[in-house]
Amino acid sequence: MIDNRIRSIFSGIKRLLSRWFEKITEINRKYAKPRIKMTPMTSVAMLLLRIYLLLLVAILFYKFFTILTGK
């Protein structure tokens, strides 16, 4: 009885996550190619912003793990 409830909960979570991933995939497919024309300088600026964002996320994870491990 409890086993069936746990399976039911996990199947519900699985369905919810699969719907979310389907929506994300659909959105990514829709906006995969830009609809506006960008100059080369704009493309370079966008690339630098992406790299900067990844660097900030890496620093955030590093800080989190150093605090978590106490080093």
C-alpha atoms as a PDB file:
ATOM      1  CA  MET A   1       0.000   0.000   0.000  1.00  0.00           C
ATOM      2  CA  ILE A   2       2.728   2.471   0.956  1.00  0.00           C
ATOM      3  CA  ASP A   3       4.845   1.183  -1.925  1.00  0.00           C
ATOM      4  CA  ASN A   4       2.037   2.031  -4.372  1.00  0.00           C
ATOM      5  CA  ARG A   5       1.761   5.541  -2.940  1.00  0.00           C
ATOM      6  CA  ILE A   6       5.492   6.110  -3.314  1.00  0.00           C
ATOM      7  CA  ARG A   7       5.363   4.837  -6.904  1.00  0.00           C
ATOM      8  CA  SER A   8       2.405   7.131  -7.562  1.00  0.00           C
ATOM      9  CA  ILE A   9       4.279  10.125  -6.174  1.00  0.00           C
ATOM     10  CA  PHE A  10       7.405   9.338  -8.197  1.00  0.00           C
ATOM     11  CA  SER A  11       5.411   8.792 -11.390  1.00  0.00           C
ATOM     12  CA  GLY A  12       3.702  12.160 -10.847  1.00  0.00           C
ATOM     13  CA  ILE A  13       7.048  13.870 -10.365  1.00  0.00           C
ATOM     14  CA  LYS A  14       8.393  12.113 -13.455  1.00  0.00           C
ATOM     15  CA  ARG A  15       5.438  13.310 -15.556  1.00  0.00           C
ATOM     16  CA  LEU A  16       5.831  16.858 -14.239  1.00  0.00           C
ATOM     17  CA  LEU A  17       9.543  16.964 -15.030  1.00  0.00           C
ATOM     18  CA  SER A  18       9.048  15.471 -18.488  1.00  0.00           C
ATOM     19  CA  ARG A  19       6.440  18.146 -19.288  1.00  0.00           C
ATOM     20  CA  TRP A  20       8.838  20.857 -18.112  1.00  0.00           C
ATOM     21  CA  PHE A  21      11.655  19.456 -20.245  1.00  0.00           C
ATOM     22  CA  GLU A  22       9.309  19.261 -23.246  1.00  0.00           C
ATOM     23  CA  LYS A  23       8.380  22.931 -22.782  1.00  0.00           C
ATOM     24  CA  ILE A  24      12.026  23.951 -22.422  1.00  0.00           C
ATOM     25  CA  THR A  25      12.960  21.950 -25.518  1.00  0.00           C
ATOM     26  CA  GLU A  26      10.138  23.565 -27.480  1.00  0.00           C
ATOM     27  CA  ILE A  27      11.224  27.056 -26.424  1.00  0.00           C
ATOM     28  CA  ASN A  28      14.869  26.320 -27.260  1.00  0.00           C
ATOM     29  CA  ARG A  29      13.869  24.989 -30.670  1.00  0.00           C
ATOM     30  CA  LYS A  30      11.767  28.089 -31.344  1.00  0.00           C
ATOM     31  CA  TYR A  31      14.530  30.545 -30.467  1.00  0.00           C
ATOM     32  CA  ALA A  32      17.532  28.537 -31.718  1.00  0.00           C
ATOM     33  CA  LYS A  33      18.155  30.924 -34.569  1.00  0.00           C
ATOM     34  CA  PRO A  34      17.992  34.675 -33.989  1.00  0.00           C
ATOM     35  CA  ARG A  35      15.379  36.528 -35.990  1.00  0.00           C
ATOM     36  CA  ILE A  36      17.261  39.808 -36.049  1.00  0.00           C
ATOM     37  CA  LYS A  37      20.427  40.649 -37.896  1.00  0.00           C
ATOM     38  CA  MET A  38      23.370  41.257 -35.566  1.00  0.00           C
ATOM     39  CA  THR A  39      26.522  43.105 -36.407  1.00  0.00           C
ATOM     40  CA  PRO A  40      29.812  41.313 -35.755  1.00  0.00           C
ATOM     41  CA  MET A  41      30.498  43.608 -32.802  1.00  0.00           C
ATOM     42  CA  THR A  42      27.148  42.695 -31.251  1.00  0.00           C
ATOM     43  CA  SER A  43      27.953  39.007 -31.661  1.00  0.00           C
ATOM     44  CA  VAL A  44      31.309  39.514 -29.941  1.00  0.00           C
ATOM     45  CA  ALA A  45      29.637  41.424 -27.111  1.00  0.00           C
ATOM     46  CA  MET A  46      27.075  38.646 -26.655  1.00  0.00           C
ATOM     47  CA  LEU A  47      29.832  36.027 -26.587  1.00  0.00           C
ATOM     48  CA  LEU A  48      31.751  37.992 -23.953  1.00  0.00           C
ATOM     49  CA  LEU A  49      28.603  38.316 -21.853  1.00  0.00           C
ATOM     50  CA  ARG A  50      28.041  34.551 -22.029  1.00  0.00           C
ATOM     51  CA  ILE A  51      31.626  33.897 -20.963  1.00  0.00           C
ATOM     52  CA  TYR A  52      31.256  36.413 -18.125  1.00  0.00           C
ATOM     53  CA  LEU A  53      28.049  34.717 -16.971  1.00  0.00           C
ATOM     54  CA  LEU A  54      29.719  31.295 -16.969  1.00  0.00           C
ATOM     55  CA  LEU A  55      32.631  32.742 -14.998  1.00  0.00           C
ATOM     56  CA  LEU A  56      30.269  34.198 -12.394  1.00  0.00           C
ATOM     57  CA  VAL A  57      28.427  30.899 -12.057  1.00  0.00           C
ATOM     58  CA  ALA A  58      31.754  29.052 -11.669  1.00  0.00           C
ATOM     59  CA  ILE A  59      32.824  31.476  -8.933  1.00  0.00           C
ATOM     60  CA  LEU A  60      29.470  31.028  -7.209  1.00  0.00           C
ATOM     61  CA  PHE A  61      29.822  27.229  -7.205  1.00  0.00           C
ATOM     62  CA  TYR A  62      33.429  27.490  -6.007  1.00  0.00           C
ATOM     63  CA  LYS A  63      32.394  29.742  -3.129  1.00  0.00           C
ATOM     64  CA  PHE A  64      29.506  27.433  -2.247  1.00  0.00           C
ATOM     65  CA  PHE A  65      31.724  24.351  -2.115  1.00  0.00           C
ATOM     66  CA  THR A  66      34.475  26.090  -0.147  1.00  0.00           C
ATOM     67  CA  ILE A  67      31.937  27.216   2.423  1.00  0.00           C
ATOM     68  CA  LEU A  68      30.333  23.766   2.453  1.00  0.00           C
ATOM     69  CA  THR A  69      33.629  21.943   3.001  1.00  0.00           C
ATOM     70  CA  GLY A  70      34.958  24.550   5.434  1.00  0.00           C
ATOM     71  CA  LYS A  71      38.285  25.125   3.666  1.00  0.00           C
END
